[in-house]
C-alpha atoms as a PDB file:
ATOM      1  CA  MET A   1    -103.485  50.081 -84.186  1.00  0.00           C
ATOM      2  CA  ILE A   2    -107.392  50.301 -84.676  1.00  0.00           C
ATOM      3  CA  ALA A   3    -106.758  48.046 -88.000  1.00  0.00           C
ATOM      4  CA  ASN A   4    -105.675  45.302 -85.376  1.00  0.00           C
ATOM      5  CA  ARG A   5    -108.118  46.181 -82.942  1.00  0.00           C
ATOM      6  CA  TYR A   6    -110.572  45.371 -85.620  1.00  0.00           C
ATOM      7  CA  PHE A   7    -109.142  42.242 -86.842  1.00  0.00           C
ATOM      8  CA  CYS A   8    -109.400  41.172 -83.292  1.00  0.00           C
ATOM      9  CA  LYS A   9    -113.038  41.656 -83.056  1.00  0.00           C
ATOM     10  CA  MET A  10    -113.630  40.125 -85.942  1.00  0.00           C
ATOM     11  CA  ARG A  11    -111.792  37.598 -85.127  1.00  0.00           C
ATOM     12  CA  LEU A  12    -113.549  37.164 -81.811  1.00  0.00           C
ATOM     13  CA  PHE A  13    -116.900  37.786 -84.099  1.00  0.00           C
ATOM     14  CA  LYS A  14    -116.846  34.947 -86.024  1.00  0.00           C
ATOM     15  CA  LYS A  15    -115.409  32.069 -82.856  1.00  0.00           C
ATOM     16  CA  ILE A  16    -118.267  33.684 -80.700  1.00  0.00           C
ATOM     17  CA  VAL A  17    -121.073  32.680 -84.327  1.00  0.00           C
ATOM     18  CA  ASP A  18    -118.931  29.240 -85.566  1.00  0.00           C
ATOM     19  CA  PHE A  19    -120.071  27.878 -81.821  1.00  0.00           C
ATOM     20  CA  TYR A  20    -123.549  29.496 -81.745  1.00  0.00           C
ATOM     21  CA  VAL A  21    -124.107  27.779 -85.594  1.00  0.00           C
ATOM     22  CA  TYR A  22    -121.703  25.003 -85.155  1.00  0.00           C
ATOM     23  CA  SER A  23    -122.834  23.866 -81.153  1.00  0.00           C
ATOM     24  CA  ASN A  24    -126.349  23.255 -82.505  1.00  0.00           C
ATOM     25  CA  ILE A  25    -127.641  25.985 -80.648  1.00  0.00           C
ATOM     26  CA  HIS A  26    -128.929  27.525 -84.438  1.00  0.00           C
ATOM     27  CA  VAL A  27    -130.793  24.509 -84.842  1.00  0.00           C
ATOM     28  CA  ALA A  28    -132.767  24.084 -81.011  1.00  0.00           C
ATOM     29  CA  LEU A  29    -133.531  27.460 -81.495  1.00  0.00           C
ATOM     30  CA  ALA A  30    -134.766  26.204 -85.108  1.00  0.00           C
ATOM     31  CA  GLY A  31    -136.684  23.748 -83.537  1.00  0.00           C
ATOM     32  CA  PHE A  32    -137.838  25.761 -80.702  1.00  0.00           C
ATOM     33  CA  SER A  33    -140.040  28.277 -83.437  1.00  0.00           C
ATOM     34  CA  LEU A  34    -141.473  25.226 -85.184  1.00  0.00           C
ATOM     35  CA  THR A  35    -142.978  24.162 -82.163  1.00  0.00           C
ATOM     36  CA  LYS A  36    -144.046  27.582 -80.677  1.00  0.00           C
ATOM     37  CA  ILE A  37    -145.095  28.322 -84.610  1.00  0.00           C
ATOM     38  CA  THR A  38    -147.988  25.342 -83.057  1.00  0.00           C
ATOM     39  CA  LEU A  39    -148.578  26.597 -79.762  1.00  0.00           C
ATOM     40  CA  LEU A  40    -149.561  29.881 -81.290  1.00  0.00           C
ATOM     41  CA  ASN A  41    -151.499  28.563 -84.503  1.00  0.00           C
ATOM     42  CA  PHE A  42    -154.009  26.455 -82.178  1.00  0.00           C
ATOM     43  CA  GLY A  43    -153.604  29.031 -79.500  1.00  0.00           C
ATOM     44  CA  ILE A  44    -151.972  26.817 -76.615  1.00  0.00           C
ATOM     45  CA  ASP A  45    -150.222  29.709 -73.775  1.00  0.00           C
ATOM     46  CA  GLY A  46    -147.913  27.934 -71.023  1.00  0.00           C
ATOM     47  CA  ASN A  47    -146.481  25.610 -72.761  1.00  0.00           C
ATOM     48  CA  LEU A  48    -142.785  23.967 -72.788  1.00  0.00           C
ATOM     49  CA  THR A  49    -142.427  21.872 -75.181  1.00  0.00           C
ATOM     50  CA  PRO A  50    -140.554  24.444 -77.445  1.00  0.00           C
ATOM     51  CA  LEU A  51    -137.982  23.926 -74.602  1.00  0.00           C
ATOM     52  CA  PHE A  52    -138.154  20.298 -74.568  1.00  0.00           C
ATOM     53  CA  VAL A  53    -137.424  20.470 -78.897  1.00  0.00           C
ATOM     54  CA  ALA A  54    -134.226  22.822 -77.734  1.00  0.00           C
ATOM     55  CA  PHE A  55    -133.070  20.934 -75.337  1.00  0.00           C
ATOM     56  CA  SER A  56    -132.843  17.543 -76.567  1.00  0.00           C
ATOM     57  CA  ALA A  57    -132.167  19.167 -80.631  1.00  0.00           C
ATOM     58  CA  LEU A  58    -128.559  20.803 -78.770  1.00  0.00           C
ATOM     59  CA  ILE A  59    -128.445  17.316 -77.239  1.00  0.00           C
ATOM     60  CA  SER A  60    -129.221  14.931 -79.538  1.00  0.00           C
ATOM     61  CA  TYR A  61    -127.493  16.676 -82.745  1.00  0.00           C
ATOM     62  CA  ASN A  62    -124.326  17.513 -80.468  1.00  0.00           C
ATOM     63  CA  PHE A  63    -124.437  13.605 -79.567  1.00  0.00           C
ATOM     64  CA  ILE A  64    -124.600  12.406 -83.406  1.00  0.00           C
ATOM     65  CA  ARG A  65    -121.471  14.891 -84.410  1.00  0.00           C
ATOM     66  CA  PHE A  66    -119.513  13.234 -82.082  1.00  0.00           C
ATOM     67  CA  TYR A  67    -120.746   9.918 -83.665  1.00  0.00           C
ATOM     68  CA  GLU A  68    -119.381  10.832 -87.235  1.00  0.00           C
ATOM     69  CA  ILE A  69    -116.470  12.740 -86.017  1.00  0.00           C
ATOM     70  CA  LYS A  70    -115.165   9.258 -84.287  1.00  0.00           C
ATOM     71  CA  ASN A  71    -115.976   7.322 -87.823  1.00  0.00           C
ATOM     72  CA  ASN A  72    -114.371   9.566 -89.410  1.00  0.00           C
ATOM     73  CA  ARG A  73    -117.127  11.691 -91.554  1.00  0.00           C
ATOM     74  CA  LEU A  74    -117.265  15.329 -90.987  1.00  0.00           C
ATOM     75  CA  ILE A  75    -112.725  15.662 -91.368  1.00  0.00           C
ATOM     76  CA  TRP A  76    -113.708  19.122 -91.570  1.00  0.00           C
ATOM     77  CA  PHE A  77    -115.450  19.641 -88.512  1.00  0.00           C
ATOM     78  CA  LYS A  78    -113.467  17.311 -86.322  1.00  0.00           C
ATOM     79  CA  ASP A  79    -111.259  20.100 -85.116  1.00  0.00           C
ATOM     80  CA  TRP A  80    -113.070  22.503 -84.489  1.00  0.00           C
ATOM     81  CA  PHE A  81    -115.372  19.842 -82.058  1.00  0.00           C
ATOM     82  CA  PHE A  82    -112.113  18.948 -79.906  1.00  0.00           C
ATOM     83  CA  ILE A  83    -110.884  23.128 -79.511  1.00  0.00           C
ATOM     84  CA  ASN A  84    -114.668  23.326 -78.387  1.00  0.00           C
ATOM     85  CA  ILE A  85    -115.581  20.323 -76.692  1.00  0.00           C
ATOM     86  CA  ASN A  86    -115.428  21.875 -73.153  1.00  0.00           C
ATOM     87  CA  GLY A  87    -118.206  24.483 -73.895  1.00  0.00           C
ATOM     88  CA  ILE A  88    -120.305  21.730 -75.825  1.00  0.00           C
ATOM     89  CA  LEU A  89    -119.552  18.988 -73.614  1.00  0.00           C
ATOM     90  CA  LEU A  90    -121.040  22.367 -70.475  1.00  0.00           C
ATOM     91  CA  LEU A  91    -124.235  22.992 -73.430  1.00  0.00           C
ATOM     92  CA  ILE A  92    -124.731  19.382 -73.185  1.00  0.00           C
ATOM     93  CA  PHE A  93    -125.057  19.464 -69.329  1.00  0.00           C
ATOM     94  CA  LEU A  94    -127.341  22.897 -69.305  1.00  0.00           C
ATOM     95  CA  SER A  95    -129.023  21.426 -72.019  1.00  0.00           C
ATOM     96  CA  ILE A  96    -129.593  18.098 -69.675  1.00  0.00           C
ATOM     97  CA  LEU A  97    -130.623  19.799 -66.362  1.00  0.00           C
ATOM     98  CA  GLY A  98    -133.057  22.087 -68.740  1.00  0.00           C
ATOM     99  CA  LEU A  99    -135.071  18.666 -69.459  1.00  0.00           C
ATOM    100  CA  ALA A 100    -134.791  17.292 -66.489  1.00  0.00           C
ATOM    101  CA  THR A 101    -136.281  20.694 -64.516  1.00  0.00           C
ATOM    102  CA  ILE A 102    -139.017  20.429 -66.935  1.00  0.00           C
ATOM    103  CA  LEU A 103    -140.372  16.377 -66.973  1.00  0.00           C
ATOM    104  CA  PHE A 104    -139.793  16.053 -62.631  1.00  0.00           C
ATOM    105  CA  PHE A 105    -140.346  19.855 -61.525  1.00  0.00           C
ATOM    106  CA  THR A 106    -143.472  21.293 -63.733  1.00  0.00           C
ATOM    107  CA  ASP A 107    -146.771  20.089 -64.264  1.00  0.00           C
ATOM    108  CA  PHE A 108    -145.510  18.872 -67.892  1.00  0.00           C
ATOM    109  CA  ASN A 109    -147.382  15.809 -69.099  1.00  0.00           C
ATOM    110  CA  LEU A 110    -144.880  13.248 -69.214  1.00  0.00           C
ATOM    111  CA  LYS A 111    -146.844  10.884 -71.029  1.00  0.00           C
ATOM    112  CA  SER A 112    -146.488  12.794 -73.766  1.00  0.00           C
ATOM    113  CA  VAL A 113    -143.187  12.299 -74.401  1.00  0.00           C
ATOM    114  CA  LEU A 114    -144.045   8.354 -75.859  1.00  0.00           C
ATOM    115  CA  ILE A 115    -145.129  10.243 -78.609  1.00  0.00           C
ATOM    116  CA  LEU A 116    -141.735  10.970 -79.540  1.00  0.00           C
ATOM    117  CA  PHE A 117    -140.549   7.906 -80.006  1.00  0.00           C
ATOM    118  CA  PRO A 118    -141.127   7.056 -83.630  1.00  0.00           C
ATOM    119  CA  PHE A 119    -139.480  11.031 -84.621  1.00  0.00           C
ATOM    120  CA  ALA A 120    -136.824  10.405 -82.057  1.00  0.00           C
ATOM    121  CA  PHE A 121    -136.111   6.648 -83.318  1.00  0.00           C
ATOM    122  CA  MET A 122    -135.656   8.413 -86.847  1.00  0.00           C
ATOM    123  CA  THR A 123    -133.406  11.318 -86.144  1.00  0.00           C
ATOM    124  CA  PHE A 124    -130.391   9.270 -83.833  1.00  0.00           C
ATOM    125  CA  PHE A 125    -130.722   6.259 -86.570  1.00  0.00           C
ATOM    126  CA  TYR A 126    -130.405   8.933 -89.216  1.00  0.00           C
ATOM    127  CA  ALA A 127    -126.414   8.734 -89.087  1.00  0.00           C
ATOM    128  CA  ILE A 128    -126.088   5.937 -86.410  1.00  0.00           C
ATOM    129  CA  PRO A 129    -126.440   2.800 -88.111  1.00  0.00           C
ATOM    130  CA  LEU A 130    -129.105   0.255 -87.019  1.00  0.00           C
ATOM    131  CA  PHE A 131    -127.092  -2.610 -87.824  1.00  0.00           C
ATOM    132  CA  LYS A 132    -124.189  -3.536 -89.505  1.00  0.00           C
ATOM    133  CA  ILE A 133    -123.487  -6.224 -92.583  1.00  0.00           C
ATOM    134  CA  GLY A 134    -120.204  -6.657 -92.746  1.00  0.00           C
ATOM    135  CA  LYS A 135    -118.481  -2.874 -93.168  1.00  0.00           C
ATOM    136  CA  LEU A 136    -122.203  -1.636 -94.550  1.00  0.00           C
ATOM    137  CA  GLU A 137    -123.444   0.171 -91.969  1.00  0.00           C
ATOM    138  CA  VAL A 138    -127.688   0.339 -92.726  1.00  0.00           C
ATOM    139  CA  SER A 139    -128.734   3.632 -91.100  1.00  0.00           C
ATOM    140  CA  PHE A 140    -131.727   5.877 -93.063  1.00  0.00           C
ATOM    141  CA  ARG A 141    -129.091   8.344 -94.482  1.00  0.00           C
ATOM    142  CA  ASN A 142    -127.360   5.030 -96.131  1.00  0.00           C
ATOM    143  CA  PHE A 143    -130.999   4.143 -97.796  1.00  0.00           C
ATOM    144  CA  PRO A 144    -132.303   5.815-101.404  1.00  0.00           C
ATOM    145  CA  MET A 145    -134.548   8.764-101.218  1.00  0.00           C
ATOM    146  CA  ILE A 146    -135.093   8.239 -97.373  1.00  0.00           C
ATOM    147  CA  LYS A 147    -132.490  11.108 -96.298  1.00  0.00           C
ATOM    148  CA  ILE A 148    -134.280  14.003 -97.389  1.00  0.00           C
ATOM    149  CA  PHE A 149    -137.709  12.335 -96.228  1.00  0.00           C
ATOM    150  CA  SER A 150    -136.072  11.147 -92.664  1.00  0.00           C
ATOM    151  CA  ILE A 151    -134.659  14.585 -91.183  1.00  0.00           C
ATOM    152  CA  VAL A 152    -138.267  15.949 -92.560  1.00  0.00           C
ATOM    153  CA  ILE A 153    -140.550  13.409 -91.227  1.00  0.00           C
ATOM    154  CA  ALA A 154    -139.219  12.877 -87.856  1.00  0.00           C
ATOM    155  CA  TRP A 155    -138.822  17.738 -87.535  1.00  0.00           C
ATOM    156  CA  ALA A 156    -142.763  17.607 -88.854  1.00  0.00           C
ATOM    157  CA  GLY A 157    -144.148  14.831 -85.696  1.00  0.00           C
ATOM    158  CA  ILE A 158    -141.450  16.659 -82.946  1.00  0.00           C
ATOM    159  CA  SER A 159    -143.105  19.437 -83.720  1.00  0.00           C
ATOM    160  CA  VAL A 160    -146.504  19.589 -84.933  1.00  0.00           C
ATOM    161  CA  PHE A 161    -147.982  16.288 -82.814  1.00  0.00           C
ATOM    162  CA  PHE A 162    -145.539  16.540 -79.533  1.00  0.00           C
ATOM    163  CA  PRO A 163    -146.983  19.926 -78.528  1.00  0.00           C
ATOM    164  CA  ILE A 164    -151.018  18.963 -79.533  1.00  0.00           C
ATOM    165  CA  TYR A 165    -150.190  15.299 -77.439  1.00  0.00           C
ATOM    166  CA  GLU A 166    -148.584  17.581 -74.471  1.00  0.00           C
ATOM    167  CA  ALA A 167    -151.167  19.884 -74.169  1.00  0.00           C
ATOM    168  CA  ASN A 168    -154.308  17.795 -74.322  1.00  0.00           C
ATOM    169  CA  TYR A 169    -155.225  18.988 -77.538  1.00  0.00           C
ATOM    170  CA  GLN A 170    -157.950  16.877 -79.992  1.00  0.00           C
ATOM    171  CA  PHE A 171    -156.376  15.300 -82.664  1.00  0.00           C
ATOM    172  CA  THR A 172    -158.580  17.302 -85.318  1.00  0.00           C
ATOM    173  CA  SER A 173    -158.485  17.004 -89.055  1.00  0.00           C
ATOM    174  CA  ALA A 174    -156.721  20.298 -88.086  1.00  0.00           C
ATOM    175  CA  VAL A 175    -154.071  19.372 -86.939  1.00  0.00           C
ATOM    176  CA  TYR A 176    -153.029  16.545 -89.173  1.00  0.00           C
ATOM    177  CA  LEU A 177    -153.234  19.196 -91.543  1.00  0.00           C
ATOM    178  CA  GLU A 178    -150.425  20.906 -89.812  1.00  0.00           C
ATOM    179  CA  PHE A 179    -148.535  17.636 -90.032  1.00  0.00           C
ATOM    180  CA  PHE A 180    -148.695  18.167 -93.999  1.00  0.00           C
ATOM    181  CA  GLN A 181    -148.086  21.709 -94.281  1.00  0.00           C
ATOM    182  CA  ARG A 182    -145.202  21.697 -91.734  1.00  0.00           C
ATOM    183  CA  ILE A 183    -143.637  18.636 -93.715  1.00  0.00           C
ATOM    184  CA  LEU A 184    -143.824  20.676 -98.134  1.00  0.00           C
ATOM    185  CA  ILE A 185    -142.306  23.468 -96.215  1.00  0.00           C
ATOM    186  CA  LEU A 186    -139.423  21.992 -94.212  1.00  0.00           C
ATOM    187  CA  LEU A 187    -138.984  19.625 -97.591  1.00  0.00           C
ATOM    188  CA  ALA A 188    -138.077  23.294 -99.061  1.00  0.00           C
ATOM    189  CA  ILE A 189    -135.868  24.052 -96.492  1.00  0.00           C
ATOM    190  CA  THR A 190    -133.894  20.872 -96.522  1.00  0.00           C
ATOM    191  CA  ILE A 191    -133.231  20.731-100.253  1.00  0.00           C
ATOM    192  CA  PRO A 192    -130.975  23.458-100.497  1.00  0.00           C
ATOM    193  CA  PHE A 193    -128.879  21.688 -97.658  1.00  0.00           C
ATOM    194  CA  ASP A 194    -128.587  18.330-100.538  1.00  0.00           C
ATOM    195  CA  ILE A 195    -127.785  20.933-103.585  1.00  0.00           C
ATOM    196  CA  ARG A 196    -125.191  21.747-100.824  1.00  0.00           C
ATOM    197  CA  ASP A 197    -124.119  18.293-100.826  1.00  0.00           C
ATOM    198  CA  VAL A 198    -125.218  17.383-104.331  1.00  0.00           C
ATOM    199  CA  HIS A 199    -121.491  15.986-105.061  1.00  0.00           C
ATOM    200  CA  ALA A 200    -120.143  15.577-102.069  1.00  0.00           C
ATOM    201  CA  ASP A 201    -123.352  12.867-101.104  1.00  0.00           C
ATOM    202  CA  SER A 202    -122.342   9.043-102.172  1.00  0.00           C
ATOM    203  CA  LYS A 203    -124.611   8.134-105.240  1.00  0.00           C
ATOM    204  CA  SER A 204    -126.482   5.726-103.733  1.00  0.00           C
ATOM    205  CA  LEU A 205    -128.253   8.616-101.662  1.00  0.00           C
ATOM    206  CA  LYS A 206    -130.424   9.105-104.586  1.00  0.00           C
ATOM    207  CA  THR A 207    -130.704  13.037-103.684  1.00  0.00           C
ATOM    208  CA  LEU A 208    -133.290  15.613-104.586  1.00  0.00           C
ATOM    209  CA  PRO A 209    -131.377  17.320-106.594  1.00  0.00           C
ATOM    210  CA  GLN A 210    -129.128  13.865-107.508  1.00  0.00           C
ATOM    211  CA  ILE A 211    -132.335  12.720-109.276  1.00  0.00           C
ATOM    212  CA  LEU A 212    -133.739  15.584-110.440  1.00  0.00           C
ATOM    213  CA  GLY A 213    -130.936  17.697-110.567  1.00  0.00           C
ATOM    214  CA  ILE A 214    -130.357  21.325-109.292  1.00  0.00           C
ATOM    215  CA  THR A 215    -132.609  23.106-111.229  1.00  0.00           C
ATOM    216  CA  ASN A 216    -135.739  20.856-110.427  1.00  0.00           C
ATOM    217  CA  ALA A 217    -135.074  20.698-108.167  1.00  0.00           C
ATOM    218  CA  LYS A 218    -135.807  23.552-107.199  1.00  0.00           C
ATOM    219  CA  VAL A 219    -138.647  24.032-109.266  1.00  0.00           C
ATOM    220  CA  LEU A 220    -140.334  20.902-107.329  1.00  0.00           C
ATOM    221  CA  GLY A 221    -139.410  23.332-103.625  1.00  0.00           C
ATOM    222  CA  THR A 222    -141.349  26.197-105.405  1.00  0.00           C
ATOM    223  CA  LEU A 223    -144.073  23.017-106.072  1.00  0.00           C
ATOM    224  CA  LEU A 224    -144.195  22.728-101.981  1.00  0.00           C
ATOM    225  CA  LEU A 225    -144.607  25.884-100.906  1.00  0.00           C
ATOM    226  CA  PHE A 226    -147.499  26.446-103.721  1.00  0.00           C
ATOM    227  CA  GLY A 227    -148.581  23.521-102.457  1.00  0.00           C
ATOM    228  CA  PHE A 228    -147.885  24.786 -98.476  1.00  0.00           C
ATOM    229  CA  LEU A 229    -149.420  27.780 -98.915  1.00  0.00           C
ATOM    230  CA  LEU A 230    -152.843  26.763-100.985  1.00  0.00           C
ATOM    231  CA  MET A 231    -153.169  23.926 -97.877  1.00  0.00           C
ATOM    232  CA  GLU A 232    -153.139  27.471 -95.489  1.00  0.00           C
ATOM    233  CA  ILE A 233    -156.083  28.556 -97.408  1.00  0.00           C
ATOM    234  CA  VAL A 234    -158.061  25.532 -96.789  1.00  0.00           C
ATOM    235  CA  LYS A 235    -157.859  25.881 -93.277  1.00  0.00           C
ATOM    236  CA  GLU A 236    -160.988  26.273 -91.036  1.00  0.00           C
ATOM    237  CA  ASN A 237    -159.244  29.051 -89.001  1.00  0.00           C
ATOM    238  CA  PHE A 238    -157.959  30.569 -91.914  1.00  0.00           C
ATOM    239  CA  THR A 239    -156.862  34.735 -91.806  1.00  0.00           C
ATOM    240  CA  TYR A 240    -155.566  36.881 -94.473  1.00  0.00           C
ATOM    241  CA  PHE A 241    -152.737  38.023 -91.161  1.00  0.00           C
ATOM    242  CA  GLY A 242    -152.168  33.885 -91.154  1.00  0.00           C
ATOM    243  CA  ILE A 243    -151.758  33.740 -95.272  1.00  0.00           C
ATOM    244  CA  LEU A 244    -149.633  37.040 -95.692  1.00  0.00           C
ATOM    245  CA  ILE A 245    -147.033  35.297 -93.098  1.00  0.00           C
ATOM    246  CA  LEU A 246    -146.445  32.335 -94.725  1.00  0.00           C
ATOM    247  CA  LEU A 247    -146.640  34.427 -98.418  1.00  0.00           C
ATOM    248  CA  ILE A 248    -143.951  35.637 -96.853  1.00  0.00           C
ATOM    249  CA  ILE A 249    -142.042  32.972 -95.527  1.00  0.00           C
ATOM    250  CA  SER A 250    -142.535  31.641 -98.979  1.00  0.00           C
ATOM    251  CA  LEU A 251    -141.284  33.817-101.118  1.00  0.00           C
ATOM    252  CA  ILE A 252    -138.156  34.480 -98.105  1.00  0.00           C
ATOM    253  CA  ASN A 253    -137.779  30.287 -98.119  1.00  0.00           C
ATOM    254  CA  ALA A 254    -137.788  30.703-102.696  1.00  0.00           C
ATOM    255  CA  LEU A 255    -135.257  33.472-102.198  1.00  0.00           C
ATOM    256  CA  PHE A 256    -132.707  31.357-100.569  1.00  0.00           C
ATOM    257  CA  LEU A 257    -133.876  27.495-102.605  1.00  0.00           C
ATOM    258  CA  TRP A 258    -132.851  29.439-106.306  1.00  0.00           C
ATOM    259  CA  PHE A 259    -129.540  31.346-104.252  1.00  0.00           C
ATOM    260  CA  SER A 260    -128.872  28.032-103.789  1.00  0.00           C
ATOM    261  CA  ALA A 261    -126.060  26.219-105.013  1.00  0.00           C
ATOM    262  CA  PRO A 262    -123.648  23.603-104.436  1.00  0.00           C
ATOM    263  CA  LYS A 263    -120.420  23.754-102.463  1.00  0.00           C
ATOM    264  CA  GLN A 264    -121.443  26.858-101.011  1.00  0.00           C
ATOM    265  CA  SER A 265    -120.369  28.436 -97.750  1.00  0.00           C
ATOM    266  CA  ARG A 266    -122.486  26.097 -94.806  1.00  0.00           C
ATOM    267  CA  TYR A 267    -122.917  29.713 -93.233  1.00  0.00           C
ATOM    268  CA  TYR A 268    -125.820  29.792 -96.508  1.00  0.00           C
ATOM    269  CA  THR A 269    -127.213  26.362 -95.359  1.00  0.00           C
ATOM    270  CA  SER A 270    -126.552  26.099 -91.769  1.00  0.00           C
ATOM    271  CA  PHE A 271    -127.352  29.559 -90.006  1.00  0.00           C
ATOM    272  CA  TRP A 272    -129.517  32.091 -93.390  1.00  0.00           C
ATOM    273  CA  VAL A 273    -131.720  28.241 -94.419  1.00  0.00           C
ATOM    274  CA  GLU A 274    -131.927  27.574 -90.830  1.00  0.00           C
ATOM    275  CA  SER A 275    -132.851  31.005 -90.071  1.00  0.00           C
ATOM    276  CA  ILE A 276    -136.561  30.702 -92.081  1.00  0.00           C
ATOM    277  CA  PRO A 277    -138.479  28.925 -88.839  1.00  0.00           C
ATOM    278  CA  VAL A 278    -136.381  32.131 -86.538  1.00  0.00           C
ATOM    279  CA  ILE A 279    -138.376  34.398 -89.179  1.00  0.00           C
ATOM    280  CA  TRP A 280    -141.639  33.250 -89.380  1.00  0.00           C
ATOM    281  CA  LEU A 281    -141.912  32.584 -85.428  1.00  0.00           C
ATOM    282  CA  GLY A 282    -141.408  36.373 -85.463  1.00  0.00           C
ATOM    283  CA  LEU A 283    -143.753  37.701 -87.935  1.00  0.00           C
ATOM    284  CA  LEU A 284    -146.226  35.662 -86.001  1.00  0.00           C
ATOM    285  CA  ILE A 285    -145.226  37.391 -82.873  1.00  0.00           C
ATOM    286  CA  PHE A 286    -144.847  40.418 -84.386  1.00  0.00           C
ATOM    287  CA  ILE A 287    -147.640  40.897 -87.575  1.00  0.00           C
ATOM    288  CA  LYS A 288    -150.291  39.333 -85.252  1.00  0.00           C
END
């Protein structure tokens, strides 16, 4: 009896975790965290862009998932998606309501949405083809070396430029430094995903692990983290607390990077690695 209760509880817990991860709530939380980090770094309060980014991520990522399933990709994910379609649709509906509320019932700077267009374009056309040549789909993910950079540049722009512009904050050299610094950390975060998919990805994609090898890709990721830390030191608003937080985040990222492997559990990347921005935000809030 006790064993059956324990098994039922664990099965329920797994269903909850699966929905949290596979419905992209975790991605949305990571996007929220990255955007909030920018606002905290520049001392900006009362800004709704983190929520805007989170709602947008829930809508766009689930739409992309649906498109990929419809086009016979993500075969492993298809059954789960349609079993949970009602919950996902409810999540999308609530996200649309959230966006509408922010856009039309708050003092949100509507002009700031314009800065999202190039980055939203990169996000959508990462998976959705720009056009087709016969049976060949032309999208960012199908260009050699573009896959990782399209994701990283899009998220860096959305989480740095968007909240800064919405707050009418001047685009100084510090803002651009934050943007390039964000690119470095996001590249390091993304490498474990490419290592996981190194054998599943088409050879034509030429991802970093495919070109450099898994070990060299990990070395590159470590160097990116080192550059990420160095850029913090040259900031005008450099603080010892700030560098301590980034050192902790870099060490956590490096551990996830070096323990990553092909065909690893999707929880490793989609939950644990994706948690790095959330941990980063938590440290910023509680240590500062």
